[in-house]
Amino acid sequence: MADGAFDDLDMAAARAKFAAKVDGRRAARQSRQKKTSSAVDGRSLRATGRTEHLNFKATPRIKQALAKHVPKGKTSLWLEEAIIEKLKREGVEVDA
């Protein structure tokens, strides 16, 4: 490279100058994680009474069927209603 304007540029110093300023402390890291995990404020979930988390594994066939036949954003409520119906058929008294 011939005499260029960037010959005397210190790349390490430039990277340090323009690097993101992230607080690496444990408290700061936990605060960032809380912000990302609580992106949904939960008001709509509380309005329907759904305040508890329930997660389960399903076969790809079931997941595809739900995606095809249940409207987007309604899967959780649909599954809850299906579980309540199954419990009632099994003779379990459900207060929901």
Protein backbone atom coordinates (compact mmCIF):
# COMPACT_ATOMS: atom_id res chain seq x y z
CA MET A 1 0.00 0.00 0.00
CA ALA A 2 1.42 3.36 -0.96
CA ASP A 3 1.38 6.46 1.23
CA GLY A 4 -2.20 6.39 2.42
CA ALA A 5 -4.17 8.46 4.87
CA PHE A 6 -4.77 5.43 7.12
CA ASP A 7 -1.20 4.18 7.44
CA ASP A 8 -0.75 5.54 10.94
CA LEU A 9 -4.22 4.47 12.18
CA ASP A 10 -4.15 2.33 15.32
CA MET A 11 -6.97 -0.17 14.78
CA ALA A 12 -6.96 -1.41 18.38
CA ALA A 13 -7.47 2.13 19.65
CA ALA A 14 -10.22 2.73 17.08
CA ARG A 15 -12.06 -0.48 18.09
CA ALA A 16 -11.81 0.46 21.75
CA LYS A 17 -13.14 3.94 21.06
CA PHE A 18 -16.15 2.76 19.09
CA ALA A 19 -16.91 -0.40 21.07
CA ALA A 20 -20.30 -0.59 22.76
CA LYS A 21 -20.16 0.58 26.33
CA VAL A 22 -21.68 -2.35 28.22
CA ASP A 23 -21.65 -2.58 31.98
CA GLY A 24 -20.35 -6.05 32.77
CA ARG A 25 -21.35 -6.09 36.41
CA ARG A 26 -23.67 -8.88 37.57
CA ALA A 27 -26.41 -6.45 38.62
CA ALA A 28 -26.32 -4.70 35.25
CA ARG A 29 -26.43 -8.01 33.38
CA GLN A 30 -29.42 -9.20 35.42
CA SER A 31 -31.19 -5.90 34.81
CA ARG A 32 -30.73 -6.28 31.04
CA GLN A 33 -32.06 -9.83 31.17
CA LYS A 34 -35.14 -8.73 33.11
CA LYS A 35 -35.87 -6.08 30.48
CA THR A 36 -35.80 -8.58 27.64
CA SER A 37 -37.81 -11.26 29.41
CA SER A 38 -40.58 -8.86 30.41
CA ALA A 39 -41.13 -7.39 26.95
CA VAL A 40 -44.86 -8.23 27.22
CA ASP A 41 -46.35 -6.27 30.08
CA GLY A 42 -48.79 -9.02 31.02
CA ARG A 43 -51.93 -6.89 31.26
CA SER A 44 -53.75 -8.90 28.60
CA LEU A 45 -52.78 -12.14 30.31
CA ARG A 46 -53.99 -10.92 33.69
CA ALA A 47 -57.23 -9.71 32.11
CA THR A 48 -57.98 -13.28 31.03
CA GLY A 49 -56.79 -14.69 34.37
CA ARG A 50 -53.78 -16.43 32.84
CA THR A 51 -50.93 -15.57 35.18
CA GLU A 52 -49.11 -18.91 35.45
CA HIS A 53 -46.63 -20.38 32.99
CA LEU A 54 -47.16 -23.92 31.66
CA ASN A 55 -44.85 -25.44 29.08
CA PHE A 56 -44.85 -28.92 27.57
CA LYS A 57 -43.29 -30.88 24.73
CA ALA A 58 -45.37 -31.79 21.69
CA THR A 59 -44.77 -33.85 18.58
CA PRO A 60 -44.07 -32.00 15.34
CA ARG A 61 -47.43 -33.28 14.05
CA ILE A 62 -49.32 -31.55 16.88
CA LYS A 63 -47.33 -28.35 16.50
CA GLN A 64 -48.07 -28.24 12.75
CA ALA A 65 -51.78 -28.92 13.33
CA LEU A 66 -52.00 -26.11 15.87
CA ALA A 67 -50.19 -23.71 13.53
CA LYS A 68 -52.55 -24.65 10.70
CA HIS A 69 -55.89 -24.60 12.52
CA VAL A 70 -55.56 -22.24 15.50
CA PRO A 71 -55.35 -18.48 14.85
CA LYS A 72 -52.00 -16.86 15.57
CA GLY A 73 -51.86 -15.53 19.12
CA LYS A 74 -54.72 -17.76 20.29
CA THR A 75 -52.80 -21.01 20.82
CA SER A 76 -52.41 -20.61 24.58
CA LEU A 77 -56.10 -19.94 25.19
CA TRP A 78 -57.09 -22.71 22.78
CA LEU A 79 -54.87 -25.24 24.58
CA GLU A 80 -56.22 -24.15 27.96
CA GLU A 81 -59.79 -24.68 26.78
CA ALA A 82 -58.88 -28.10 25.33
CA ILE A 83 -57.29 -29.19 28.62
CA ILE A 84 -60.33 -28.06 30.61
CA GLU A 85 -62.65 -29.99 28.29
CA LYS A 86 -60.53 -33.14 28.59
CA LEU A 87 -60.48 -32.86 32.38
CA LYS A 88 -64.28 -32.49 32.47
CA ARG A 89 -64.69 -35.58 30.26
CA GLU A 90 -62.46 -37.48 32.69
CA GLY A 91 -64.77 -36.47 35.54
CA VAL A 92 -62.48 -33.86 37.11
CA GLU A 93 -64.32 -30.83 38.49
CA VAL A 94 -62.62 -27.70 37.17
CA ASP A 95 -63.39 -24.25 38.59
CA ALA A 96 -62.24 -22.42 35.44
